[in-house]
PDB file of all heavy atoms in Angstrom:
ATOM      1  N   VAL A   1      98.709 127.020 112.254  1.00  0.00           N
ATOM      2  CA  VAL A   1      98.407 126.537 110.909  1.00  0.00           C
ATOM      3  C   VAL A   1      98.223 127.744 110.002  1.00  0.00           C
ATOM      4  O   VAL A   1      97.401 128.622 110.272  1.00  0.00           O
ATOM      5  CB  VAL A   1      97.129 125.668 110.901  1.00  0.00           C
ATOM      6  CG1 VAL A   1      96.811 125.205 109.485  1.00  0.00           C
ATOM      7  CG2 VAL A   1      97.285 124.474 111.836  1.00  0.00           C
ATOM      8  N   SER A   2      99.013 127.791 108.944  1.00  0.00           N
ATOM      9  CA  SER A   2      98.922 128.886 107.976  1.00  0.00           C
ATOM     10  C   SER A   2      99.435 128.361 106.642  1.00  0.00           C
ATOM     11  O   SER A   2      99.572 127.150 106.447  1.00  0.00           O
ATOM     12  CB  SER A   2      99.737 130.097 108.450  1.00  0.00           C
ATOM     13  OG  SER A   2      99.551 131.207 107.590  1.00  0.00           O
ATOM     14  N   ASN A   3      99.716 129.274 105.707  1.00  0.00           N
ATOM     15  CA  ASN A   3     100.357 128.857 104.463  1.00  0.00           C
ATOM     16  C   ASN A   3     101.788 129.377 104.423  1.00  0.00           C
ATOM     17  O   ASN A   3     102.213 130.123 105.319  1.00  0.00           O
ATOM     18  CB  ASN A   3      99.547 129.306 103.235  1.00  0.00           C
ATOM     19  CG  ASN A   3      99.378 130.818 103.165  1.00  0.00           C
ATOM     20  OD1 ASN A   3     100.258 131.582 103.545  1.00  0.00           O
ATOM     21  ND2 ASN A   3      98.231 131.262 102.677  1.00  0.00           N
ATOM     22  N   GLU A   4     102.526 129.011 103.406  1.00  0.00           N
ATOM     23  CA  GLU A   4     103.945 129.352 103.363  1.00  0.00           C
ATOM     24  C   GLU A   4     104.192 130.854 103.263  1.00  0.00           C
ATOM     25  O   GLU A   4     105.235 131.347 103.686  1.00  0.00           O
ATOM     26  CB  GLU A   4     104.624 128.629 102.193  1.00  0.00           C
ATOM     27  CG  GLU A   4     104.795 127.138 102.423  1.00  0.00           C
ATOM     28  CD  GLU A   4     105.598 126.457 101.337  1.00  0.00           C
ATOM     29  OE1 GLU A   4     105.890 127.116 100.312  1.00  0.00           O
ATOM     30  OE2 GLU A   4     105.931 125.270 101.503  1.00  0.00           O
ATOM     31  N   THR A   5     103.242 131.594 102.707  1.00  0.00           N
ATOM     32  CA  THR A   5     103.417 133.039 102.589  1.00  0.00           C
ATOM     33  C   THR A   5     102.989 133.779 103.851  1.00  0.00           C
ATOM     34  O   THR A   5     103.230 134.978 103.974  1.00  0.00           O
ATOM     35  CB  THR A   5     102.609 133.603 101.405  1.00  0.00           C
ATOM     36  OG1 THR A   5     101.211 133.498 101.691  1.00  0.00           O
ATOM     37  CG2 THR A   5     102.924 132.858 100.122  1.00  0.00           C
ATOM     38  N   LYS A   6     102.312 133.091 104.764  1.00  0.00           N
ATOM     39  CA  LYS A   6     101.769 133.708 105.983  1.00  0.00           C
ATOM     40  C   LYS A   6     100.744 134.780 105.654  1.00  0.00           C
ATOM     41  O   LYS A   6     100.506 135.697 106.449  1.00  0.00           O
ATOM     42  CB  LYS A   6     102.887 134.288 106.860  1.00  0.00           C
ATOM     43  CG  LYS A   6     103.973 133.284 107.257  1.00  0.00           C
ATOM     44  CD  LYS A   6     105.031 133.947 108.101  1.00  0.00           C
ATOM     45  CE  LYS A   6     106.126 132.961 108.490  1.00  0.00           C
ATOM     46  NZ  LYS A   6     106.921 132.537 107.303  1.00  0.00           N
ATOM     47  N   ASN A   7     100.124 134.664 104.513  1.00  0.00           N
ATOM     48  CA  ASN A   7      99.145 135.649 104.058  1.00  0.00           C
ATOM     49  C   ASN A   7      97.837 134.935 103.713  1.00  0.00           C
ATOM     50  O   ASN A   7      97.823 134.052 102.855  1.00  0.00           O
ATOM     51  CB  ASN A   7      99.684 136.405 102.834  1.00  0.00           C
ATOM     52  CG  ASN A   7      98.802 137.553 102.423  1.00  0.00           C
ATOM     53  OD1 ASN A   7      98.404 138.374 103.255  1.00  0.00           O
ATOM     54  ND2 ASN A   7      98.474 137.629 101.148  1.00  0.00           N
ATOM     55  N   LEU A   8      96.743 135.310 104.395  1.00  0.00           N
ATOM     56  CA  LEU A   8      95.426 134.704 104.163  1.00  0.00           C
ATOM     57  C   LEU A   8      95.459 133.187 104.367  1.00  0.00           C
ATOM     58  O   LEU A   8      94.792 132.428 103.664  1.00  0.00           O
ATOM     59  CB  LEU A   8      94.911 135.053 102.763  1.00  0.00           C
ATOM     60  CG  LEU A   8      94.814 136.551 102.451  1.00  0.00           C
ATOM     61  CD1 LEU A   8      94.390 136.769 100.996  1.00  0.00           C
ATOM     62  CD2 LEU A   8      93.863 137.246 103.402  1.00  0.00           C
ATOM     63  N   GLY A   9      96.222 132.769 105.365  1.00  0.00           N
ATOM     64  CA  GLY A   9      96.451 131.340 105.567  1.00  0.00           C
ATOM     65  C   GLY A   9      95.433 130.618 106.430  1.00  0.00           C
ATOM     66  O   GLY A   9      95.519 129.394 106.580  1.00  0.00           O
ATOM     67  N   ALA A  10      94.451 131.331 106.998  1.00  0.00           N
ATOM     68  CA  ALA A  10      93.442 130.645 107.808  1.00  0.00           C
ATOM     69  C   ALA A  10      92.636 129.656 106.980  1.00  0.00           C
ATOM     70  O   ALA A  10      92.106 128.668 107.506  1.00  0.00           O
ATOM     71  CB  ALA A  10      92.506 131.668 108.460  1.00  0.00           C
ATOM     72  N   SER A  11      92.561 129.889 105.682  1.00  0.00           N
ATOM     73  CA  SER A  11      91.800 128.992 104.797  1.00  0.00           C
ATOM     74  C   SER A  11      92.417 127.606 104.711  1.00  0.00           C
ATOM     75  O   SER A  11      91.793 126.685 104.168  1.00  0.00           O
ATOM     76  CB  SER A  11      91.677 129.595 103.394  1.00  0.00           C
ATOM     77  OG  SER A  11      92.953 129.809 102.820  1.00  0.00           O
ATOM     78  N   CYS A  12      93.623 127.424 105.244  1.00  0.00           N
ATOM     79  CA  CYS A  12      94.253 126.094 105.230  1.00  0.00           C
ATOM     80  C   CYS A  12      93.419 125.059 105.983  1.00  0.00           C
ATOM     81  O   CYS A  12      93.556 123.858 105.730  1.00  0.00           O
ATOM     82  CB  CYS A  12      95.653 126.158 105.832  1.00  0.00           C
ATOM     83  SG  CYS A  12      96.875 126.965 104.767  1.00  0.00           S
ATOM     84  N   ILE A  13      92.554 125.488 106.894  1.00  0.00           N
ATOM     85  CA  ILE A  13      91.725 124.512 107.611  1.00  0.00           C
ATOM     86  C   ILE A  13      90.750 123.818 106.670  1.00  0.00           C
ATOM     87  O   ILE A  13      90.198 122.767 107.014  1.00  0.00           O
ATOM     88  CB  ILE A  13      90.960 125.149 108.785  1.00  0.00           C
ATOM     89  CG1 ILE A  13      89.921 126.163 108.298  1.00  0.00           C
ATOM     90  CG2 ILE A  13      91.921 125.785 109.781  1.00  0.00           C
ATOM     91  CD1 ILE A  13      89.024 126.695 109.400  1.00  0.00           C
ATOM     92  N   LEU A  14      90.556 124.369 105.469  1.00  0.00           N
ATOM     93  CA  LEU A  14      89.683 123.755 104.472  1.00  0.00           C
ATOM     94  C   LEU A  14      90.411 122.772 103.571  1.00  0.00           C
ATOM     95  O   LEU A  14      89.777 121.973 102.884  1.00  0.00           O
ATOM     96  CB  LEU A  14      89.040 124.836 103.590  1.00  0.00           C
ATOM     97  CG  LEU A  14      88.125 125.842 104.269  1.00  0.00           C
ATOM     98  CD1 LEU A  14      87.725 126.927 103.278  1.00  0.00           C
ATOM     99  CD2 LEU A  14      86.898 125.165 104.820  1.00  0.00           C
ATOM    100  N   TYR A  15      91.734 122.831 103.545  1.00  0.00           N
ATOM    101  CA  TYR A  15      92.482 121.982 102.626  1.00  0.00           C
ATOM    102  C   TYR A  15      92.222 120.509 102.940  1.00  0.00           C
ATOM    103  O   TYR A  15      92.127 120.127 104.119  1.00  0.00           O
ATOM    104  CB  TYR A  15      93.984 122.234 102.755  1.00  0.00           C
ATOM    105  CG  TYR A  15      94.495 123.560 102.234  1.00  0.00           C
ATOM    106  CD1 TYR A  15      93.638 124.581 101.834  1.00  0.00           C
ATOM    107  CD2 TYR A  15      95.863 123.799 102.153  1.00  0.00           C
ATOM    108  CE1 TYR A  15      94.131 125.790 101.377  1.00  0.00           C
ATOM    109  CE2 TYR A  15      96.371 125.000 101.689  1.00  0.00           C
ATOM    110  CZ  TYR A  15      95.505 125.987 101.304  1.00  0.00           C
ATOM    111  OH  TYR A  15      95.997 127.188 100.846  1.00  0.00           O
ATOM    112  N   PRO A  16      92.158 119.678 101.924  1.00  0.00           N
ATOM    113  CA  PRO A  16      91.968 118.251 102.155  1.00  0.00           C
ATOM    114  C   PRO A  16      93.052 117.668 103.066  1.00  0.00           C
ATOM    115  O   PRO A  16      94.243 117.917 102.861  1.00  0.00           O
ATOM    116  CB  PRO A  16      92.045 117.650 100.743  1.00  0.00           C
ATOM    117  CG  PRO A  16      91.656 118.778  99.832  1.00  0.00           C
ATOM    118  CD  PRO A  16      92.204 120.024 100.482  1.00  0.00           C
ATOM    119  N   HIS A  17      92.625 116.943 104.079  1.00  0.00           N
ATOM    120  CA  HIS A  17      93.494 116.161 104.976  1.00  0.00           C
ATOM    121  C   HIS A  17      94.331 116.993 105.947  1.00  0.00           C
ATOM    122  O   HIS A  17      95.068 116.409 106.759  1.00  0.00           O
ATOM    123  CB  HIS A  17      94.446 115.258 104.160  1.00  0.00           C
ATOM    124  CG  HIS A  17      93.760 114.453 103.108  1.00  0.00           C
ATOM    125  ND1 HIS A  17      92.737 113.580 103.391  1.00  0.00           N
ATOM    126  CD2 HIS A  17      93.933 114.411 101.746  1.00  0.00           C
ATOM    127  CE1 HIS A  17      92.316 113.016 102.266  1.00  0.00           C
ATOM    128  NE2 HIS A  17      93.014 113.510 101.265  1.00  0.00           N
ATOM    129  N   VAL A  18      94.246 118.329 105.911  1.00  0.00           N
ATOM    130  CA  VAL A  18      95.074 119.131 106.815  1.00  0.00           C
ATOM    131  C   VAL A  18      94.681 118.903 108.273  1.00  0.00           C
ATOM    132  O   VAL A  18      95.546 118.715 109.144  1.00  0.00           O
ATOM    133  CB  VAL A  18      95.004 120.636 106.461  1.00  0.00           C
ATOM    134  CG1 VAL A  18      95.516 121.498 107.628  1.00  0.00           C
ATOM    135  CG2 VAL A  18      95.828 120.919 105.221  1.00  0.00           C
ATOM    136  N   MET A  19      93.388 118.894 108.567  1.00  0.00           N
ATOM    137  CA  MET A  19      92.969 118.671 109.945  1.00  0.00           C
ATOM    138  C   MET A  19      93.366 117.265 110.417  1.00  0.00           C
ATOM    139  O   MET A  19      93.710 117.069 111.586  1.00  0.00           O
ATOM    140  CB  MET A  19      91.456 118.876 110.071  1.00  0.00           C
ATOM    141  CG  MET A  19      91.000 120.309 109.848  1.00  0.00           C
ATOM    142  SD  MET A  19      91.578 121.519 111.099  1.00  0.00           S
ATOM    143  CE  MET A  19      93.113 122.127 110.377  1.00  0.00           C
ATOM    144  N   GLU A  20      93.344 116.295 109.493  1.00  0.00           N
ATOM    145  CA  GLU A  20      93.788 114.948 109.846  1.00  0.00           C
ATOM    146  C   GLU A  20      95.275 114.949 110.194  1.00  0.00           C
ATOM    147  O   GLU A  20      95.707 114.260 111.129  1.00  0.00           O
ATOM    148  CB  GLU A  20      93.534 114.000 108.679  1.00  0.00           C
ATOM    149  CG  GLU A  20      92.058 113.793 108.345  1.00  0.00           C
ATOM    150  CD  GLU A  20      91.879 112.998 107.073  1.00  0.00           C
ATOM    151  OE1 GLU A  20      92.772 112.183 106.754  1.00  0.00           O
ATOM    152  OE2 GLU A  20      90.858 113.189 106.389  1.00  0.00           O
ATOM    153  N   LYS A  21      96.061 115.712 109.440  1.00  0.00           N
ATOM    154  CA  LYS A  21      97.497 115.784 109.711  1.00  0.00           C
ATOM    155  C   LYS A  21      97.763 116.420 111.069  1.00  0.00           C
ATOM    156  O   LYS A  21      98.664 116.001 111.806  1.00  0.00           O
ATOM    157  CB  LYS A  21      98.192 116.572 108.610  1.00  0.00           C
ATOM    158  CG  LYS A  21      98.238 115.857 107.265  1.00  0.00           C
ATOM    159  CD  LYS A  21      98.900 116.726 106.208  1.00  0.00           C
ATOM    160  CE  LYS A  21      98.919 116.014 104.861  1.00  0.00           C
ATOM    161  NZ  LYS A  21      99.502 116.859 103.785  1.00  0.00           N
ATOM    162  N   VAL A  22      96.984 117.460 111.398  1.00  0.00           N
ATOM    163  CA  VAL A  22      97.137 118.083 112.712  1.00  0.00           C
ATOM    164  C   VAL A  22      96.806 117.065 113.803  1.00  0.00           C
ATOM    165  O   VAL A  22      97.530 116.936 114.798  1.00  0.00           O
ATOM    166  CB  VAL A  22      96.240 119.326 112.839  1.00  0.00           C
ATOM    167  CG1 VAL A  22      96.312 119.888 114.264  1.00  0.00           C
ATOM    168  CG2 VAL A  22      96.644 120.398 111.824  1.00  0.00           C
ATOM    169  N   TYR A  23      95.732 116.324 113.599  1.00  0.00           N
ATOM    170  CA  TYR A  23      95.328 115.306 114.581  1.00  0.00           C
ATOM    171  C   TYR A  23      96.432 114.259 114.756  1.00  0.00           C
ATOM    172  O   TYR A  23      96.765 113.875 115.883  1.00  0.00           O
ATOM    173  CB  TYR A  23      94.032 114.633 114.137  1.00  0.00           C
ATOM    174  CG  TYR A  23      93.610 113.493 115.027  1.00  0.00           C
ATOM    175  CD1 TYR A  23      92.871 113.722 116.181  1.00  0.00           C
ATOM    176  CD2 TYR A  23      93.967 112.173 114.710  1.00  0.00           C
ATOM    177  CE1 TYR A  23      92.504 112.672 117.013  1.00  0.00           C
ATOM    178  CE2 TYR A  23      93.604 111.118 115.528  1.00  0.00           C
ATOM    179  CZ  TYR A  23      92.870 111.376 116.681  1.00  0.00           C
ATOM    180  OH  TYR A  23      92.512 110.326 117.509  1.00  0.00           O
ATOM    181  N   GLU A  24      97.001 113.804 113.648  1.00  0.00           N
ATOM    182  CA  GLU A  24      98.052 112.796 113.730  1.00  0.00           C
ATOM    183  C   GLU A  24      99.275 113.338 114.471  1.00  0.00           C
ATOM    184  O   GLU A  24      99.957 112.596 115.187  1.00  0.00           O
ATOM    185  CB  GLU A  24      98.460 112.364 112.313  1.00  0.00           C
ATOM    186  CG  GLU A  24      97.383 111.537 111.601  1.00  0.00           C
ATOM    187  CD  GLU A  24      97.702 111.308 110.138  1.00  0.00           C
ATOM    188  OE1 GLU A  24      98.779 111.781 109.691  1.00  0.00           O
ATOM    189  OE2 GLU A  24      96.887 110.674 109.444  1.00  0.00           O
ATOM    190  N   ARG A  25      99.525 114.615 114.318  1.00  0.00           N
ATOM    191  CA  ARG A  25     100.701 115.202 114.953  1.00  0.00           C
ATOM    192  C   ARG A  25     100.522 115.330 116.458  1.00  0.00           C
ATOM    193  O   ARG A  25     101.460 115.088 117.226  1.00  0.00           O
ATOM    194  CB  ARG A  25     100.994 116.572 114.340  1.00  0.00           C
ATOM    195  CG  ARG A  25     102.227 117.230 114.911  1.00  0.00           C
ATOM    196  CD  ARG A  25     102.762 118.287 113.991  1.00  0.00           C
ATOM    197  NE  ARG A  25     103.963 118.888 114.523  1.00  0.00           N
ATOM    198  CZ  ARG A  25     104.658 119.822 113.912  1.00  0.00           C
ATOM    199  NH1 ARG A  25     104.286 120.251 112.722  1.00  0.00           N
ATOM    200  NH2 ARG A  25     105.741 120.336 114.468  1.00  0.00           N
ATOM    201  N   ILE A  26      99.302 115.722 116.904  1.00  0.00           N
ATOM    202  CA  ILE A  26      99.116 115.948 118.336  1.00  0.00           C
ATOM    203  C   ILE A  26      98.422 114.779 119.033  1.00  0.00           C
ATOM    204  O   ILE A  26      98.432 114.694 120.251  1.00  0.00           O
ATOM    205  CB  ILE A  26      98.347 117.257 118.599  1.00  0.00           C
ATOM    206  CG1 ILE A  26      96.916 117.174 118.066  1.00  0.00           C
ATOM    207  CG2 ILE A  26      99.072 118.435 117.986  1.00  0.00           C
ATOM    208  CD1 ILE A  26      96.117 118.430 118.318  1.00  0.00           C
ATOM    209  N   GLY A  27      97.804 113.879 118.246  1.00  0.00           N
ATOM    210  CA  GLY A  27      97.276 112.642 118.797  1.00  0.00           C
ATOM    211  C   GLY A  27      95.950 112.732 119.516  1.00  0.00           C
ATOM    212  O   GLY A  27      95.582 111.798 120.247  1.00  0.00           O
ATOM    213  N   GLU A  28      95.209 113.822 119.333  1.00  0.00           N
ATOM    214  CA  GLU A  28      93.907 113.934 119.985  1.00  0.00           C
ATOM    215  C   GLU A  28      93.089 115.034 119.316  1.00  0.00           C
ATOM    216  O   GLU A  28      93.601 115.798 118.485  1.00  0.00           O
ATOM    217  CB  GLU A  28      94.071 114.235 121.473  1.00  0.00           C
ATOM    218  CG  GLU A  28      94.803 115.541 121.767  1.00  0.00           C
ATOM    219  CD  GLU A  28      94.909 115.818 123.266  1.00  0.00           C
ATOM    220  OE1 GLU A  28      93.894 116.274 123.832  1.00  0.00           O
ATOM    221  OE2 GLU A  28      95.999 115.579 123.838  1.00  0.00           O
ATOM    222  N   ASN A  29      91.806 115.114 119.672  1.00  0.00           N
ATOM    223  CA  ASN A  29      90.964 116.200 119.187  1.00  0.00           C
ATOM    224  C   ASN A  29      91.510 117.538 119.680  1.00  0.00           C
ATOM    225  O   ASN A  29      92.281 117.583 120.653  1.00  0.00           O
ATOM    226  CB  ASN A  29      89.522 116.023 119.664  1.00  0.00           C
ATOM    227  CG  ASN A  29      88.857 114.804 119.031  1.00  0.00           C
ATOM    228  OD1 ASN A  29      89.339 114.251 118.044  1.00  0.00           O
ATOM    229  ND2 ASN A  29      87.739 114.385 119.606  1.00  0.00           N
ATOM    230  N   PHE A  30      91.085 118.606 119.032  1.00  0.00           N
ATOM    231  CA  PHE A  30      91.679 119.892 119.378  1.00  0.00           C
ATOM    232  C   PHE A  30      90.714 121.050 119.128  1.00  0.00           C
ATOM    233  O   PHE A  30      89.716 120.920 118.414  1.00  0.00           O
ATOM    234  CB  PHE A  30      92.965 120.115 118.583  1.00  0.00           C
ATOM    235  CG  PHE A  30      92.828 119.909 117.097  1.00  0.00           C
ATOM    236  CD1 PHE A  30      92.368 120.918 116.256  1.00  0.00           C
ATOM    237  CD2 PHE A  30      93.177 118.690 116.517  1.00  0.00           C
ATOM    238  CE1 PHE A  30      92.252 120.723 114.895  1.00  0.00           C
ATOM    239  CE2 PHE A  30      93.059 118.484 115.139  1.00  0.00           C
ATOM    240  CZ  PHE A  30      92.599 119.504 114.331  1.00  0.00           C
ATOM    241  N   TYR A  31      91.063 122.173 119.750  1.00  0.00           N
ATOM    242  CA  TYR A  31      90.340 123.423 119.522  1.00  0.00           C
ATOM    243  C   TYR A  31      91.116 124.263 118.503  1.00  0.00           C
ATOM    244  O   TYR A  31      92.349 124.223 118.454  1.00  0.00           O
ATOM    245  CB  TYR A  31      90.169 124.205 120.809  1.00  0.00           C
ATOM    246  CG  TYR A  31      89.132 123.610 121.735  1.00  0.00           C
ATOM    247  CD1 TYR A  31      89.520 122.840 122.836  1.00  0.00           C
ATOM    248  CD2 TYR A  31      87.773 123.813 121.515  1.00  0.00           C
ATOM    249  CE1 TYR A  31      88.576 122.281 123.686  1.00  0.00           C
ATOM    250  CE2 TYR A  31      86.813 123.258 122.359  1.00  0.00           C
ATOM    251  CZ  TYR A  31      87.230 122.498 123.431  1.00  0.00           C
ATOM    252  OH  TYR A  31      86.287 121.950 124.263  1.00  0.00           O
ATOM    253  N   ILE A  32      90.363 125.016 117.708  1.00  0.00           N
ATOM    254  CA  ILE A  32      90.945 125.910 116.705  1.00  0.00           C
ATOM    255  C   ILE A  32      90.623 127.338 117.109  1.00  0.00           C
ATOM    256  O   ILE A  32      89.453 127.706 117.255  1.00  0.00           O
ATOM    257  CB  ILE A  32      90.377 125.616 115.313  1.00  0.00           C
ATOM    258  CG1 ILE A  32      90.689 124.177 114.899  1.00  0.00           C
ATOM    259  CG2 ILE A  32      90.937 126.603 114.283  1.00  0.00           C
ATOM    260  CD1 ILE A  32      89.945 123.734 113.656  1.00  0.00           C
ATOM    261  N   LEU A  33      91.660 128.139 117.300  1.00  0.00           N
ATOM    262  CA  LEU A  33      91.492 129.542 117.659  1.00  0.00           C
ATOM    263  C   LEU A  33      91.766 130.395 116.420  1.00  0.00           C
ATOM    264  O   LEU A  33      92.873 130.335 115.859  1.00  0.00           O
ATOM    265  CB  LEU A  33      92.449 129.942 118.783  1.00  0.00           C
ATOM    266  CG  LEU A  33      92.094 129.535 120.214  1.00  0.00           C
ATOM    267  CD1 LEU A  33      91.944 128.028 120.358  1.00  0.00           C
ATOM    268  CD2 LEU A  33      93.126 130.065 121.196  1.00  0.00           C
ATOM    269  N   PRO A  34      90.783 131.169 115.951  1.00  0.00           N
ATOM    270  CA  PRO A  34      90.968 131.989 114.751  1.00  0.00           C
ATOM    271  C   PRO A  34      91.830 133.208 115.058  1.00  0.00           C
ATOM    272  O   PRO A  34      91.329 134.290 115.392  1.00  0.00           O
ATOM    273  CB  PRO A  34      89.535 132.382 114.376  1.00  0.00           C
ATOM    274  CG  PRO A  34      88.798 132.379 115.684  1.00  0.00           C
ATOM    275  CD  PRO A  34      89.423 131.285 116.507  1.00  0.00           C
ATOM    276  N   SER A  35      93.130 133.045 114.965  1.00  0.00           N
ATOM    277  CA  SER A  35      94.061 134.118 115.304  1.00  0.00           C
ATOM    278  C   SER A  35      93.848 135.347 114.422  1.00  0.00           C
ATOM    279  O   SER A  35      93.900 136.482 114.890  1.00  0.00           O
ATOM    280  CB  SER A  35      95.498 133.601 115.168  1.00  0.00           C
ATOM    281  OG  SER A  35      96.431 134.614 115.410  1.00  0.00           O
TER     282      SER A  35
END
């Protein structure tokens, strides 16, 4: 998960509904690794 520029994209986890979209894609709860 990042942004289109691949620069400072970790903040995408704060965007509205992004975590929900990730959940819908993988179908279960998940761990987030701060790369």
